Amino acid sequence: MKLSCRQASRLISASQDRPLSQWEYVRLRVHLFMCGNCRNFSQQLKQLSEAARRAGRGE
């Protein structure tokens, strides 16, 4: 079953809080392979999370 961008963004966000199931992971990877907008969102969210961690450590 194909993921919509909305579903993909929810899985991207969820992956920050918990490990995705194998099925969720595979579906998300396929979607990210095909969707540049969601790939960008995923990278931006990772960068934001890393910046927040660094800020929390006082870096």
N, C-alpha and C. Protein backbone atom coordinates (compact mmCIF):
# COMPACT_ATOMS: atom_id res chain seq x y z
N MET A 1 0.84 -1.18 0.00
CA MET A 1 0.00 0.00 0.00
C MET A 1 0.89 1.25 0.00
N LYS A 2 0.59 2.17 -0.86
CA LYS A 2 1.36 3.39 -1.01
C LYS A 2 1.06 4.38 0.11
N LEU A 3 2.11 5.04 0.61
CA LEU A 3 1.94 6.07 1.64
C LEU A 3 1.67 7.41 0.99
N SER A 4 0.81 8.20 1.60
CA SER A 4 0.65 9.59 1.20
C SER A 4 1.75 10.40 1.89
N CYS A 5 1.96 11.60 1.45
CA CYS A 5 2.95 12.46 2.10
C CYS A 5 2.56 12.73 3.55
N ARG A 6 1.29 12.87 3.82
CA ARG A 6 0.82 13.10 5.20
C ARG A 6 1.17 11.90 6.08
N GLN A 7 0.92 10.70 5.58
CA GLN A 7 1.26 9.50 6.34
C GLN A 7 2.77 9.39 6.53
N ALA A 8 3.52 9.71 5.48
CA ALA A 8 4.98 9.65 5.57
C ALA A 8 5.49 10.64 6.61
N SER A 9 4.95 11.85 6.61
CA SER A 9 5.42 12.85 7.58
C SER A 9 5.11 12.41 9.01
N ARG A 10 4.00 11.74 9.20
CA ARG A 10 3.68 11.22 10.54
C ARG A 10 4.67 10.13 10.95
N LEU A 11 5.04 9.26 10.01
CA LEU A 11 6.02 8.22 10.33
C LEU A 11 7.39 8.83 10.57
N ILE A 12 7.76 9.84 9.80
CA ILE A 12 9.04 10.52 10.01
C ILE A 12 9.09 11.09 11.42
N SER A 13 8.01 11.76 11.82
CA SER A 13 7.95 12.33 13.16
C SER A 13 7.96 11.23 14.23
N ALA A 14 7.20 10.18 14.00
CA ALA A 14 7.15 9.08 14.97
C ALA A 14 8.52 8.44 15.14
N SER A 15 9.30 8.39 14.05
CA SER A 15 10.61 7.73 14.13
C SER A 15 11.57 8.49 15.05
N GLN A 16 11.25 9.74 15.36
CA GLN A 16 12.07 10.50 16.31
C GLN A 16 11.83 10.04 17.75
N ASP A 17 10.65 9.45 17.99
CA ASP A 17 10.24 9.07 19.34
C ASP A 17 10.29 7.58 19.62
N ARG A 18 10.23 6.78 18.56
CA ARG A 18 10.18 5.33 18.75
C ARG A 18 10.73 4.64 17.51
N PRO A 19 11.19 3.42 17.68
CA PRO A 19 11.60 2.65 16.49
C PRO A 19 10.37 2.30 15.66
N LEU A 20 10.49 2.42 14.36
CA LEU A 20 9.39 2.02 13.48
C LEU A 20 9.37 0.51 13.34
N SER A 21 8.19 -0.03 13.11
CA SER A 21 8.10 -1.46 12.81
C SER A 21 8.80 -1.70 11.48
N GLN A 22 9.11 -2.92 11.21
CA GLN A 22 9.77 -3.26 9.95
C GLN A 22 8.93 -2.83 8.76
N TRP A 23 7.62 -3.06 8.83
CA TRP A 23 6.71 -2.70 7.75
C TRP A 23 6.66 -1.18 7.57
N GLU A 24 6.56 -0.43 8.69
CA GLU A 24 6.55 1.03 8.61
C GLU A 24 7.84 1.55 7.98
N TYR A 25 8.95 0.97 8.41
CA TYR A 25 10.26 1.39 7.91
C TYR A 25 10.37 1.18 6.40
N VAL A 26 9.97 0.01 5.93
CA VAL A 26 10.07 -0.30 4.50
C VAL A 26 9.17 0.64 3.71
N ARG A 27 7.94 0.81 4.15
CA ARG A 27 7.02 1.70 3.43
C ARG A 27 7.55 3.12 3.39
N LEU A 28 8.12 3.59 4.50
CA LEU A 28 8.66 4.95 4.54
C LEU A 28 9.86 5.09 3.63
N ARG A 29 10.75 4.11 3.64
CA ARG A 29 11.95 4.18 2.78
C ARG A 29 11.56 4.24 1.30
N VAL A 30 10.57 3.44 0.91
CA VAL A 30 10.11 3.46 -0.49
C VAL A 30 9.55 4.84 -0.82
N HIS A 31 8.76 5.40 0.08
CA HIS A 31 8.19 6.72 -0.16
C HIS A 31 9.29 7.77 -0.27
N LEU A 32 10.25 7.73 0.66
CA LEU A 32 11.33 8.72 0.64
C LEU A 32 12.18 8.61 -0.63
N PHE A 33 12.33 7.41 -1.15
CA PHE A 33 13.07 7.21 -2.39
C PHE A 33 12.41 7.97 -3.54
N MET A 34 11.08 8.02 -3.49
CA MET A 34 10.33 8.61 -4.59
C MET A 34 9.92 10.06 -4.37
N CYS A 35 9.99 10.56 -3.16
CA CYS A 35 9.43 11.89 -2.84
C CYS A 35 10.49 12.82 -2.27
N GLY A 36 10.93 13.75 -3.07
CA GLY A 36 11.95 14.71 -2.63
C GLY A 36 11.48 15.62 -1.52
N ASN A 37 10.20 16.00 -1.53
CA ASN A 37 9.70 16.88 -0.48
C ASN A 37 9.76 16.20 0.89
N CYS A 38 9.38 14.95 0.94
CA CYS A 38 9.42 14.22 2.21
C CYS A 38 10.87 13.93 2.62
N ARG A 39 11.75 13.69 1.64
CA ARG A 39 13.17 13.52 1.96
C ARG A 39 13.71 14.79 2.62
N ASN A 40 13.35 15.95 2.06
CA ASN A 40 13.78 17.22 2.64
C ASN A 40 13.23 17.39 4.04
N PHE A 41 11.95 17.08 4.23
CA PHE A 41 11.34 17.18 5.56
C PHE A 41 12.07 16.30 6.56
N SER A 42 12.39 15.08 6.14
CA SER A 42 13.09 14.14 7.02
C SER A 42 14.46 14.69 7.44
N GLN A 43 15.19 15.23 6.47
CA GLN A 43 16.52 15.80 6.77
C GLN A 43 16.40 17.02 7.68
N GLN A 44 15.42 17.87 7.43
CA GLN A 44 15.23 19.06 8.24
C GLN A 44 14.87 18.69 9.68
N LEU A 45 14.03 17.69 9.84
CA LEU A 45 13.64 17.26 11.19
C LEU A 45 14.84 16.68 11.93
N LYS A 46 15.68 15.91 11.23
CA LYS A 46 16.89 15.37 11.86
C LYS A 46 17.82 16.50 12.29
N GLN A 47 18.00 17.51 11.44
CA GLN A 47 18.86 18.64 11.79
C GLN A 47 18.31 19.41 12.97
N LEU A 48 17.00 19.61 13.00
CA LEU A 48 16.37 20.31 14.11
C LEU A 48 16.55 19.54 15.41
N SER A 49 16.38 18.23 15.36
CA SER A 49 16.55 17.40 16.56
C SER A 49 17.99 17.45 17.06
N GLU A 50 18.94 17.39 16.13
CA GLU A 50 20.35 17.47 16.53
C GLU A 50 20.68 18.82 17.14
N ALA A 51 20.14 19.90 16.56
CA ALA A 51 20.37 21.24 17.11
C ALA A 51 19.78 21.37 18.50
N ALA A 52 18.59 20.81 18.71
CA ALA A 52 17.96 20.86 20.02
C ALA A 52 18.78 20.08 21.05
N ARG A 53 19.32 18.93 20.67
CA ARG A 53 20.17 18.15 21.58
C ARG A 53 21.42 18.94 21.96
N ARG A 54 22.05 19.55 20.95
CA ARG A 54 23.26 20.34 21.21
C ARG A 54 22.93 21.52 22.12
N ALA A 55 21.83 22.17 21.89
CA ALA A 55 21.43 23.32 22.72
C ALA A 55 21.17 22.86 24.15
N GLY A 56 20.59 21.69 24.30
CA GLY A 56 20.32 21.15 25.63
C GLY A 56 21.58 20.83 26.40
N ARG A 57 22.66 20.55 25.66
CA ARG A 57 23.96 20.28 26.31
C ARG A 57 24.78 21.55 26.47
N GLY A 58 24.23 22.67 25.99
CA GLY A 58 24.93 23.95 26.13
C GLY A 58 26.01 24.18 25.10
N GLU A 59 25.94 23.51 23.97
CA GLU A 59 26.95 23.67 22.91
C GLU A 59 26.63 24.86 22.04
